[in-house]
Amino acid sequence: MAVEDTDFLFPPKVMPELRDVRGLEWKSMVDRISLQAPDAIERVAFVLMMVRMNGCTTCQADSFKAMRGCSSCSVQTVKRFRGDDKELINQLEVARRELVTYMKKQGKK
């Protein structure tokens, strides 16, 4: 049985499903980022943060995690995060800064 919800890396289409998983700060952040353009730096940083948290780069197509799908994996990962919403928002900021630094090195923006 194939799961149609499994991608190679965290798919942005899953963002709305993460909205109600945490507190108000998290919900506000997800709402704001979900409305941004696909190439907006904060949205790309959110994807990077989730790829890291979910362990997307080590996910195997035949693993239990992959068979459950990206939505289930992401919801579970965010729910199980032991820190508070501020710590998650801080992780987003770290990913954003890394992307900005990378883009400057590449001569963009």
PDB file of N, CA and C in Angstrom:
ATOM      1  N   MET A   1       0.841  -1.184   0.000  1.00  0.00           N
ATOM      2  CA  MET A   1       0.000   0.000   0.000  1.00  0.00           C
ATOM      3  C   MET A   1       0.884   1.245   0.000  1.00  0.00           C
ATOM      4  N   ALA A   2       0.722   2.094  -0.967  1.00  0.00           N
ATOM      5  CA  ALA A   2       1.512   3.320  -1.070  1.00  0.00           C
ATOM      6  C   ALA A   2       0.812   4.455  -0.337  1.00  0.00           C
ATOM      7  N   VAL A   3       1.612   5.258   0.326  1.00  0.00           N
ATOM      8  CA  VAL A   3       1.087   6.440   1.010  1.00  0.00           C
ATOM      9  C   VAL A   3       1.344   7.633   0.105  1.00  0.00           C
ATOM     10  N   GLU A   4       0.304   8.369  -0.203  1.00  0.00           N
ATOM     11  CA  GLU A   4       0.446   9.506  -1.115  1.00  0.00           C
ATOM     12  C   GLU A   4       0.937  10.755  -0.403  1.00  0.00           C
ATOM     13  N   ASP A   5       1.171  10.640   0.887  1.00  0.00           N
ATOM     14  CA  ASP A   5       1.572  11.789   1.698  1.00  0.00           C
ATOM     15  C   ASP A   5       3.071  11.789   1.988  1.00  0.00           C
ATOM     16  N   THR A   6       3.835  10.995   1.279  1.00  0.00           N
ATOM     17  CA  THR A   6       5.254  10.895   1.559  1.00  0.00           C
ATOM     18  C   THR A   6       6.060  11.565   0.452  1.00  0.00           C
ATOM     19  N   ASP A   7       6.931  12.492   0.854  1.00  0.00           N
ATOM     20  CA  ASP A   7       7.816  13.200  -0.063  1.00  0.00           C
ATOM     21  C   ASP A   7       9.258  12.918   0.348  1.00  0.00           C
ATOM     22  N   PHE A   8      10.203  13.425  -0.424  1.00  0.00           N
ATOM     23  CA  PHE A   8      11.614  13.237  -0.081  1.00  0.00           C
ATOM     24  C   PHE A   8      12.018  14.078   1.112  1.00  0.00           C
ATOM     25  N   LEU A   9      11.494  15.291   1.178  1.00  0.00           N
ATOM     26  CA  LEU A   9      11.765  16.214   2.285  1.00  0.00           C
ATOM     27  C   LEU A   9      10.437  16.799   2.746  1.00  0.00           C
ATOM     28  N   PHE A  10      10.462  17.475   3.879  1.00  0.00           N
ATOM     29  CA  PHE A  10       9.231  18.052   4.423  1.00  0.00           C
ATOM     30  C   PHE A  10       8.510  18.886   3.372  1.00  0.00           C
ATOM     31  N   PRO A  11       7.265  18.529   3.063  1.00  0.00           N
ATOM     32  CA  PRO A  11       6.509  19.288   2.066  1.00  0.00           C
ATOM     33  C   PRO A  11       5.745  20.453   2.709  1.00  0.00           C
ATOM     34  N   PRO A  12       5.880  21.654   2.184  1.00  0.00           N
ATOM     35  CA  PRO A  12       5.175  22.808   2.738  1.00  0.00           C
ATOM     36  C   PRO A  12       3.655  22.642   2.807  1.00  0.00           C
ATOM     37  N   LYS A  13       3.101  21.770   1.983  1.00  0.00           N
ATOM     38  CA  LYS A  13       1.656  21.549   2.015  1.00  0.00           C
ATOM     39  C   LYS A  13       1.180  20.997   3.364  1.00  0.00           C
ATOM     40  N   VAL A  14       2.103  20.516   4.181  1.00  0.00           N
ATOM     41  CA  VAL A  14       1.770  19.958   5.497  1.00  0.00           C
ATOM     42  C   VAL A  14       1.631  21.062   6.557  1.00  0.00           C
ATOM     43  N   MET A  15       2.144  22.249   6.274  1.00  0.00           N
ATOM     44  CA  MET A  15       2.132  23.344   7.262  1.00  0.00           C
ATOM     45  C   MET A  15       0.781  23.551   7.943  1.00  0.00           C
ATOM     46  N   PRO A  16      -0.306  23.653   7.201  1.00  0.00           N
ATOM     47  CA  PRO A  16      -1.593  23.892   7.869  1.00  0.00           C
ATOM     48  C   PRO A  16      -1.976  22.804   8.885  1.00  0.00           C
ATOM     49  N   GLU A  17      -1.528  21.590   8.648  1.00  0.00           N
ATOM     50  CA  GLU A  17      -1.828  20.493   9.573  1.00  0.00           C
ATOM     51  C   GLU A  17      -1.081  20.645  10.900  1.00  0.00           C
ATOM     52  N   LEU A  18      -0.028  21.442  10.912  1.00  0.00           N
ATOM     53  CA  LEU A  18       0.764  21.655  12.123  1.00  0.00           C
ATOM     54  C   LEU A  18       0.233  22.812  12.966  1.00  0.00           C
ATOM     55  N   ARG A  19      -0.686  23.551  12.427  1.00  0.00           N
ATOM     56  CA  ARG A  19      -1.189  24.788  13.049  1.00  0.00           C
ATOM     57  C   ARG A  19      -1.660  24.598  14.488  1.00  0.00           C
ATOM     58  N   ASP A  20      -2.471  23.601  14.737  1.00  0.00           N
ATOM     59  CA  ASP A  20      -3.098  23.435  16.052  1.00  0.00           C
ATOM     60  C   ASP A  20      -2.379  22.443  16.963  1.00  0.00           C
ATOM     61  N   VAL A  21      -1.154  22.106  16.629  1.00  0.00           N
ATOM     62  CA  VAL A  21      -0.410  21.101  17.390  1.00  0.00           C
ATOM     63  C   VAL A  21       0.220  21.672  18.659  1.00  0.00           C
ATOM     64  N   ARG A  22       0.486  22.973  18.688  1.00  0.00           N
ATOM     65  CA  ARG A  22       1.157  23.612  19.814  1.00  0.00           C
ATOM     66  C   ARG A  22       0.331  24.800  20.312  1.00  0.00           C
ATOM     67  N   GLY A  23       0.987  25.734  20.971  1.00  0.00           N
ATOM     68  CA  GLY A  23       0.324  26.886  21.555  1.00  0.00           C
ATOM     69  C   GLY A  23       0.085  28.029  20.586  1.00  0.00           C
ATOM     70  N   LEU A  24      -0.312  29.165  21.154  1.00  0.00           N
ATOM     71  CA  LEU A  24      -0.668  30.343  20.356  1.00  0.00           C
ATOM     72  C   LEU A  24       0.493  30.906  19.550  1.00  0.00           C
ATOM     73  N   GLU A  25       1.694  30.942  20.135  1.00  0.00           N
ATOM     74  CA  GLU A  25       2.854  31.477  19.402  1.00  0.00           C
ATOM     75  C   GLU A  25       3.150  30.621  18.173  1.00  0.00           C
ATOM     76  N   TRP A  26       3.089  29.314  18.350  1.00  0.00           N
ATOM     77  CA  TRP A  26       3.316  28.390  17.242  1.00  0.00           C
ATOM     78  C   TRP A  26       2.243  28.593  16.170  1.00  0.00           C
ATOM     79  N   LYS A  27       0.991  28.635  16.591  1.00  0.00           N
ATOM     80  CA  LYS A  27      -0.135  28.801  15.669  1.00  0.00           C
ATOM     81  C   LYS A  27       0.016  30.089  14.860  1.00  0.00           C
ATOM     82  N   SER A  28       0.374  31.168  15.523  1.00  0.00           N
ATOM     83  CA  SER A  28       0.562  32.451  14.858  1.00  0.00           C
ATOM     84  C   SER A  28       1.681  32.369  13.822  1.00  0.00           C
ATOM     85  N   MET A  29       2.781  31.717  14.204  1.00  0.00           N
ATOM     86  CA  MET A  29       3.914  31.575  13.287  1.00  0.00           C
ATOM     87  C   MET A  29       3.526  30.751  12.064  1.00  0.00           C
ATOM     88  N   VAL A  30       2.858  29.633  12.283  1.00  0.00           N
ATOM     89  CA  VAL A  30       2.450  28.772  11.164  1.00  0.00           C
ATOM     90  C   VAL A  30       1.485  29.523  10.248  1.00  0.00           C
ATOM     91  N   ASP A  31       0.534  30.254  10.825  1.00  0.00           N
ATOM     92  CA  ASP A  31      -0.409  31.040  10.014  1.00  0.00           C
ATOM     93  C   ASP A  31       0.329  32.051   9.148  1.00  0.00           C
ATOM     94  N   ARG A  32       1.270  32.765   9.746  1.00  0.00           N
ATOM     95  CA  ARG A  32       2.020  33.800   9.031  1.00  0.00           C
ATOM     96  C   ARG A  32       2.844  33.195   7.891  1.00  0.00           C
ATOM     97  N   ILE A  33       3.541  32.127   8.182  1.00  0.00           N
ATOM     98  CA  ILE A  33       4.433  31.518   7.197  1.00  0.00           C
ATOM     99  C   ILE A  33       3.656  30.831   6.081  1.00  0.00           C
ATOM    100  N   SER A  34       2.527  30.240   6.408  1.00  0.00           N
ATOM    101  CA  SER A  34       1.718  29.551   5.405  1.00  0.00           C
ATOM    102  C   SER A  34       1.232  30.485   4.307  1.00  0.00           C
ATOM    103  N   LEU A  35       1.080  31.763   4.630  1.00  0.00           N
ATOM    104  CA  LEU A  35       0.590  32.742   3.663  1.00  0.00           C
ATOM    105  C   LEU A  35       1.690  33.324   2.773  1.00  0.00           C
ATOM    106  N   GLN A  36       2.935  33.031   3.100  1.00  0.00           N
ATOM    107  CA  GLN A  36       4.051  33.602   2.349  1.00  0.00           C
ATOM    108  C   GLN A  36       4.265  32.886   1.018  1.00  0.00           C
ATOM    109  N   ALA A  37       4.950  33.576   0.131  1.00  0.00           N
ATOM    110  CA  ALA A  37       5.294  32.994  -1.174  1.00  0.00           C
ATOM    111  C   ALA A  37       6.205  31.782  -0.972  1.00  0.00           C
ATOM    112  N   PRO A  38       6.154  30.814  -1.870  1.00  0.00           N
ATOM    113  CA  PRO A  38       6.975  29.607  -1.726  1.00  0.00           C
ATOM    114  C   PRO A  38       8.471  29.873  -1.579  1.00  0.00           C
ATOM    115  N   ASP A  39       8.965  30.981  -2.163  1.00  0.00           N
ATOM    116  CA  ASP A  39      10.398  31.271  -2.091  1.00  0.00           C
ATOM    117  C   ASP A  39      10.751  32.294  -1.004  1.00  0.00           C
ATOM    118  N   ALA A  40       9.802  32.646  -0.156  1.00  0.00           N
ATOM    119  CA  ALA A  40      10.079  33.578   0.945  1.00  0.00           C
ATOM    120  C   ALA A  40      11.070  32.933   1.909  1.00  0.00           C
ATOM    121  N   ILE A  41      12.026  33.702   2.348  1.00  0.00           N
ATOM    122  CA  ILE A  41      13.110  33.166   3.179  1.00  0.00           C
ATOM    123  C   ILE A  41      12.590  32.496   4.453  1.00  0.00           C
ATOM    124  N   GLU A  42      11.586  33.080   5.078  1.00  0.00           N
ATOM    125  CA  GLU A  42      11.065  32.494   6.318  1.00  0.00           C
ATOM    126  C   GLU A  42      10.367  31.159   6.044  1.00  0.00           C
ATOM    127  N   ARG A  43       9.701  31.067   4.920  1.00  0.00           N
ATOM    128  CA  ARG A  43       9.032  29.805   4.560  1.00  0.00           C
ATOM    129  C   ARG A  43      10.061  28.719   4.254  1.00  0.00           C
ATOM    130  N   VAL A  44      11.101  29.073   3.535  1.00  0.00           N
ATOM    131  CA  VAL A  44      12.170  28.121   3.242  1.00  0.00           C
ATOM    132  C   VAL A  44      12.867  27.715   4.541  1.00  0.00           C
ATOM    133  N   ALA A  45      13.051  28.668   5.446  1.00  0.00           N
ATOM    134  CA  ALA A  45      13.664  28.364   6.754  1.00  0.00           C
ATOM    135  C   ALA A  45      12.787  27.404   7.548  1.00  0.00           C
ATOM    136  N   PHE A  46      11.469  27.557   7.460  1.00  0.00           N
ATOM    137  CA  PHE A  46      10.552  26.641   8.147  1.00  0.00           C
ATOM    138  C   PHE A  46      10.722  25.228   7.604  1.00  0.00           C
ATOM    139  N   VAL A  47      10.820  25.103   6.297  1.00  0.00           N
ATOM    140  CA  VAL A  47      11.035  23.790   5.686  1.00  0.00           C
ATOM    141  C   VAL A  47      12.350  23.196   6.178  1.00  0.00           C
ATOM    142  N   LEU A  48      13.409  23.998   6.181  1.00  0.00           N
ATOM    143  CA  LEU A  48      14.708  23.531   6.672  1.00  0.00           C
ATOM    144  C   LEU A  48      14.613  23.072   8.124  1.00  0.00           C
ATOM    145  N   MET A  49      13.959  23.855   8.961  1.00  0.00           N
ATOM    146  CA  MET A  49      13.788  23.494  10.370  1.00  0.00           C
ATOM    147  C   MET A  49      13.059  22.153  10.494  1.00  0.00           C
ATOM    148  N   MET A  50      11.997  21.974   9.741  1.00  0.00           N
ATOM    149  CA  MET A  50      11.227  20.734   9.826  1.00  0.00           C
ATOM    150  C   MET A  50      12.004  19.545   9.262  1.00  0.00           C
ATOM    151  N   VAL A  51      12.780  19.764   8.208  1.00  0.00           N
ATOM    152  CA  VAL A  51      13.620  18.688   7.663  1.00  0.00           C
ATOM    153  C   VAL A  51      14.575  18.193   8.746  1.00  0.00           C
ATOM    154  N   ARG A  52      15.157  19.118   9.476  1.00  0.00           N
ATOM    155  CA  ARG A  52      16.082  18.758  10.550  1.00  0.00           C
ATOM    156  C   ARG A  52      15.364  18.053  11.691  1.00  0.00           C
ATOM    157  N   MET A  53      14.241  18.619  12.122  1.00  0.00           N
ATOM    158  CA  MET A  53      13.510  18.030  13.251  1.00  0.00           C
ATOM    159  C   MET A  53      12.979  16.638  12.919  1.00  0.00           C
ATOM    160  N   ASN A  54      12.438  16.483  11.708  1.00  0.00           N
ATOM    161  CA  ASN A  54      11.850  15.205  11.299  1.00  0.00           C
ATOM    162  C   ASN A  54      12.890  14.156  10.931  1.00  0.00           C
ATOM    163  N   GLY A  55      14.098  14.598  10.622  1.00  0.00           N
ATOM    164  CA  GLY A  55      15.117  13.665  10.153  1.00  0.00           C
ATOM    165  C   GLY A  55      14.839  13.211   8.729  1.00  0.00           C
ATOM    166  N   CYS A  56      14.321  14.110   7.917  1.00  0.00           N
ATOM    167  CA  CYS A  56      13.932  13.775   6.541  1.00  0.00           C
ATOM    168  C   CYS A  56      15.093  13.211   5.712  1.00  0.00           C
ATOM    169  N   THR A  57      16.301  13.690   5.948  1.00  0.00           N
ATOM    170  CA  THR A  57      17.427  13.257   5.110  1.00  0.00           C
ATOM    171  C   THR A  57      17.814  11.806   5.358  1.00  0.00           C
ATOM    172  N   THR A  58      17.378  11.236   6.461  1.00  0.00           N
ATOM    173  CA  THR A  58      17.699   9.838   6.741  1.00  0.00           C
ATOM    174  C   THR A  58      16.475   8.932   6.624  1.00  0.00           C
ATOM    175  N   CYS A  59      15.349   9.483   6.219  1.00  0.00           N
ATOM    176  CA  CYS A  59      14.118   8.705   6.076  1.00  0.00           C
ATOM    177  C   CYS A  59      14.239   7.786   4.861  1.00  0.00           C
ATOM    178  N   GLN A  60      13.911   6.549   5.036  1.00  0.00           N
ATOM    179  CA  GLN A  60      13.955   5.567   3.949  1.00  0.00           C
ATOM    180  C   GLN A  60      12.546   5.283   3.455  1.00  0.00           C
ATOM    181  N   ALA A  61      12.391   5.098   2.162  1.00  0.00           N
ATOM    182  CA  ALA A  61      11.070   4.898   1.557  1.00  0.00           C
ATOM    183  C   ALA A  61      10.318   3.707   2.164  1.00  0.00           C
ATOM    184  N   ASP A  62      11.043   2.718   2.627  1.00  0.00           N
ATOM    185  CA  ASP A  62      10.379   1.537   3.181  1.00  0.00           C
ATOM    186  C   ASP A  62      10.318   1.543   4.710  1.00  0.00           C
ATOM    187  N   SER A  63      10.665   2.669   5.327  1.00  0.00           N
ATOM    188  CA  SER A  63      10.633   2.747   6.792  1.00  0.00           C
ATOM    189  C   SER A  63       9.206   2.959   7.288  1.00  0.00           C
ATOM    190  N   PHE A  64       8.977   2.602   8.530  1.00  0.00           N
ATOM    191  CA  PHE A  64       7.660   2.793   9.144  1.00  0.00           C
ATOM    192  C   PHE A  64       7.270   4.260   9.085  1.00  0.00           C
ATOM    193  N   LYS A  65       8.235   5.121   9.371  1.00  0.00           N
ATOM    194  CA  LYS A  65       8.000   6.570   9.362  1.00  0.00           C
ATOM    195  C   LYS A  65       7.509   7.032   7.990  1.00  0.00           C
ATOM    196  N   ALA A  66       8.173   6.609   6.949  1.00  0.00           N
ATOM    197  CA  ALA A  66       7.794   7.013   5.591  1.00  0.00           C
ATOM    198  C   ALA A  66       6.449   6.418   5.197  1.00  0.00           C
ATOM    199  N   MET A  67       6.194   5.224   5.634  1.00  0.00           N
ATOM    200  CA  MET A  67       4.926   4.575   5.291  1.00  0.00           C
ATOM    201  C   MET A  67       3.735   5.275   5.945  1.00  0.00           C
ATOM    202  N   ARG A  68       3.968   5.930   7.066  1.00  0.00           N
ATOM    203  CA  ARG A  68       2.896   6.678   7.736  1.00  0.00           C
ATOM    204  C   ARG A  68       2.630   8.002   7.025  1.00  0.00           C
ATOM    205  N   GLY A  69       3.634   8.544   6.377  1.00  0.00           N
ATOM    206  CA  GLY A  69       3.475   9.788   5.634  1.00  0.00           C
ATOM    207  C   GLY A  69       4.060  10.988   6.345  1.00  0.00           C
ATOM    208  N   CYS A  70       4.312  12.029   5.578  1.00  0.00           N
ATOM    209  CA  CYS A  70       4.937  13.251   6.095  1.00  0.00           C
ATOM    210  C   CYS A  70       4.049  13.983   7.099  1.00  0.00           C
ATOM    211  N   SER A  71       2.755  13.982   6.857  1.00  0.00           N
ATOM    212  CA  SER A  71       1.852  14.680   7.780  1.00  0.00           C
ATOM    213  C   SER A  71       1.926  14.075   9.171  1.00  0.00           C
ATOM    214  N   SER A  72       1.763  12.764   9.259  1.00  0.00           N
ATOM    215  CA  SER A  72       1.802  12.090  10.560  1.00  0.00           C
ATOM    216  C   SER A  72       3.151  12.262  11.243  1.00  0.00           C
ATOM    217  N   CYS A  73       4.206  12.112  10.471  1.00  0.00           N
ATOM    218  CA  CYS A  73       5.558  12.264  11.017  1.00  0.00           C
ATOM    219  C   CYS A  73       5.755  13.669  11.577  1.00  0.00           C
ATOM    220  N   SER A  74       5.363  14.674  10.810  1.00  0.00           N
ATOM    221  CA  SER A  74       5.571  16.065  11.223  1.00  0.00           C
ATOM    222  C   SER A  74       4.736  16.428  12.446  1.00  0.00           C
ATOM    223  N   VAL A  75       3.485  16.016  12.446  1.00  0.00           N
ATOM    224  CA  VAL A  75       2.627  16.300  13.604  1.00  0.00           C
ATOM    225  C   VAL A  75       3.210  15.657  14.848  1.00  0.00           C
ATOM    226  N   GLN A  76       3.618  14.411  14.743  1.00  0.00           N
ATOM    227  CA  GLN A  76       4.197  13.709  15.888  1.00  0.00           C
ATOM    228  C   GLN A  76       5.482  14.384  16.356  1.00  0.00           C
ATOM    229  N   THR A  77       6.328  14.778  15.428  1.00  0.00           N
ATOM    230  CA  THR A  77       7.589  15.428  15.776  1.00  0.00           C
ATOM    231  C   THR A  77       7.354  16.734  16.528  1.00  0.00           C
ATOM    232  N   VAL A  78       6.444  17.563  16.032  1.00  0.00           N
ATOM    233  CA  VAL A  78       6.177  18.853  16.674  1.00  0.00           C
ATOM    234  C   VAL A  78       5.516  18.641  18.038  1.00  0.00           C
ATOM    235  N   LYS A  79       4.608  17.684  18.128  1.00  0.00           N
ATOM    236  CA  LYS A  79       3.961  17.390  19.413  1.00  0.00           C
ATOM    237  C   LYS A  79       4.974  16.927  20.455  1.00  0.00           C
ATOM    238  N   ARG A  80       5.919  16.120  20.020  1.00  0.00           N
ATOM    239  CA  ARG A  80       6.893  15.533  20.953  1.00  0.00           C
ATOM    240  C   ARG A  80       8.040  16.474  21.306  1.00  0.00           C
ATOM    241  N   PHE A  81       8.138  17.601  20.632  1.00  0.00           N
ATOM    242  CA  PHE A  81       9.215  18.542  20.928  1.00  0.00           C
ATOM    243  C   PHE A  81       9.105  18.956  22.393  1.00  0.00           C
ATOM    244  N   ARG A  82      10.169  18.789  23.122  1.00  0.00           N
ATOM    245  CA  ARG A  82      10.137  18.999  24.574  1.00  0.00           C
ATOM    246  C   ARG A  82      10.222  20.455  25.009  1.00  0.00           C
ATOM    247  N   GLY A  83      10.692  21.308  24.134  1.00  0.00           N
ATOM    248  CA  GLY A  83      10.795  22.721  24.468  1.00  0.00           C
ATOM    249  C   GLY A  83       9.460  23.430  24.278  1.00  0.00           C
ATOM    250  N   ASP A  84       9.459  24.709  24.579  1.00  0.00           N
ATOM    251  CA  ASP A  84       8.237  25.488  24.392  1.00  0.00           C
ATOM    252  C   ASP A  84       8.221  26.117  23.000  1.00  0.00           C
ATOM    253  N   ASP A  85       7.140  26.835  22.708  1.00  0.00           N
ATOM    254  CA  ASP A  85       6.987  27.455  21.391  1.00  0.00           C
ATOM    255  C   ASP A  85       8.123  28.422  21.081  1.00  0.00           C
ATOM    256  N   LYS A  86       8.602  29.131  22.100  1.00  0.00           N
ATOM    257  CA  LYS A  86       9.697  30.091  21.879  1.00  0.00           C
ATOM    258  C   LYS A  86      10.947  29.389  21.383  1.00  0.00           C
ATOM    259  N   GLU A  87      11.199  28.185  21.885  1.00  0.00           N
ATOM    260  CA  GLU A  87      12.370  27.433  21.431  1.00  0.00           C
ATOM    261  C   GLU A  87      12.213  27.007  19.969  1.00  0.00           C
ATOM    262  N   LEU A  88      11.006  26.639  19.587  1.00  0.00           N
ATOM    263  CA  LEU A  88      10.763  26.300  18.178  1.00  0.00           C
ATOM    264  C   LEU A  88      10.942  27.525  17.292  1.00  0.00           C
ATOM    265  N   ILE A  89      10.430  28.645  17.743  1.00  0.00           N
ATOM    266  CA  ILE A  89      10.572  29.889  16.981  1.00  0.00           C
ATOM    267  C   ILE A  89      12.042  30.267  16.879  1.00  0.00           C
ATOM    268  N   ASN A  90      12.808  30.018  17.924  1.00  0.00           N
ATOM    269  CA  ASN A  90      14.244  30.269  17.894  1.00  0.00           C
ATOM    270  C   ASN A  90      14.920  29.358  16.860  1.00  0.00           C
ATOM    271  N   GLN A  91      14.492  28.107  16.773  1.00  0.00           N
ATOM    272  CA  GLN A  91      15.059  27.206  15.768  1.00  0.00           C
ATOM    273  C   GLN A  91      14.764  27.710  14.356  1.00  0.00           C
ATOM    274  N   LEU A  92      13.583  28.267  14.183  1.00  0.00           N
ATOM    275  CA  LEU A  92      13.246  28.863  12.883  1.00  0.00           C
ATOM    276  C   LEU A  92      14.183  30.026  12.573  1.00  0.00           C
ATOM    277  N   GLU A  93      14.440  30.856  13.560  1.00  0.00           N
ATOM    278  CA  GLU A  93      15.331  32.006  13.366  1.00  0.00           C
ATOM    279  C   GLU A  93      16.753  31.549  13.034  1.00  0.00           C
ATOM    280  N   VAL A  94      17.220  30.509  13.685  1.00  0.00           N
ATOM    281  CA  VAL A  94      18.552  29.963  13.396  1.00  0.00           C
ATOM    282  C   VAL A  94      18.611  29.489  11.941  1.00  0.00           C
ATOM    283  N   ALA A  95      17.595  28.769  11.501  1.00  0.00           N
ATOM    284  CA  ALA A  95      17.552  28.295  10.113  1.00  0.00           C
ATOM    285  C   ALA A  95      17.502  29.470   9.145  1.00  0.00           C
ATOM    286  N   ARG A  96      16.737  30.505   9.482  1.00  0.00           N
ATOM    287  CA  ARG A  96      16.633  31.693   8.622  1.00  0.00           C
ATOM    288  C   ARG A  96      17.989  32.373   8.478  1.00  0.00           C
ATOM    289  N   ARG A  97      18.698  32.547   9.606  1.00  0.00           N
ATOM    290  CA  ARG A  97      20.024  33.179   9.553  1.00  0.00           C
ATOM    291  C   ARG A  97      21.000  32.362   8.723  1.00  0.00           C
ATOM    292  N   GLU A  98      20.950  31.044   8.860  1.00  0.00           N
ATOM    293  CA  GLU A  98      21.824  30.183   8.071  1.00  0.00           C
ATOM    294  C   GLU A  98      21.549  30.344   6.576  1.00  0.00           C
ATOM    295  N   LEU A  99      20.286  30.418   6.216  1.00  0.00           N
ATOM    296  CA  LEU A  99      19.930  30.610   4.807  1.00  0.00           C
ATOM    297  C   LEU A  99      20.397  31.957   4.286  1.00  0.00           C
ATOM    298  N   VAL A 100      20.233  32.997   5.077  1.00  0.00           N
ATOM    299  CA  VAL A 100      20.683  34.336   4.673  1.00  0.00           C
ATOM    300  C   VAL A 100      22.193  34.330   4.468  1.00  0.00           C
ATOM    301  N   THR A 101      22.921  33.724   5.389  1.00  0.00           N
ATOM    302  CA  THR A 101      24.380  33.633   5.276  1.00  0.00           C
ATOM    303  C   THR A 101      24.763  32.864   4.008  1.00  0.00           C
ATOM    304  N   TYR A 102      24.102  31.757   3.775  1.00  0.00           N
ATOM    305  CA  TYR A 102      24.384  30.952   2.582  1.00  0.00           C
ATOM    306  C   TYR A 102      24.111  31.752   1.305  1.00  0.00           C
ATOM    307  N   MET A 103      22.986  32.455   1.279  1.00  0.00           N
ATOM    308  CA  MET A 103      22.630  33.222   0.088  1.00  0.00           C
ATOM    309  C   MET A 103      23.620  34.364  -0.153  1.00  0.00           C
ATOM    310  N   LYS A 104      24.110  34.982   0.911  1.00  0.00           N
ATOM    311  CA  LYS A 104      25.118  36.037   0.745  1.00  0.00           C
ATOM    312  C   LYS A 104      26.397  35.463   0.147  1.00  0.00           C
ATOM    313  N   LYS A 105      26.781  34.286   0.607  1.00  0.00           N
ATOM    314  CA  LYS A 105      27.983  33.646   0.074  1.00  0.00           C
ATOM    315  C   LYS A 105      27.806  33.290  -1.399  1.00  0.00           C
ATOM    316  N   GLN A 106      26.577  33.011  -1.791  1.00  0.00           N
ATOM    317  CA  GLN A 106      26.288  32.652  -3.185  1.00  0.00           C
ATOM    318  C   GLN A 106      26.093  33.890  -4.061  1.00  0.00           C
ATOM    319  N   GLY A 107      26.111  35.074  -3.428  1.00  0.00           N
ATOM    320  CA  GLY A 107      25.946  36.318  -4.169  1.00  0.00           C
ATOM    321  C   GLY A 107      24.504  36.680  -4.468  1.00  0.00           C
ATOM    322  N   LYS A 108      23.596  36.168  -3.638  1.00  0.00           N
ATOM    323  CA  LYS A 108      22.164  36.460  -3.835  1.00  0.00           C
ATOM    324  C   LYS A 108      21.672  37.339  -2.699  1.00  0.00           C
ATOM    325  N   LYS A 109      20.815  38.271  -3.033  1.00  0.00           N
ATOM    326  CA  LYS A 109      20.189  39.209  -2.086  1.00  0.00           C
ATOM    327  C   LYS A 109      21.234  39.908  -1.326  1.00  0.00           C
TER     328      LYS A 109
END
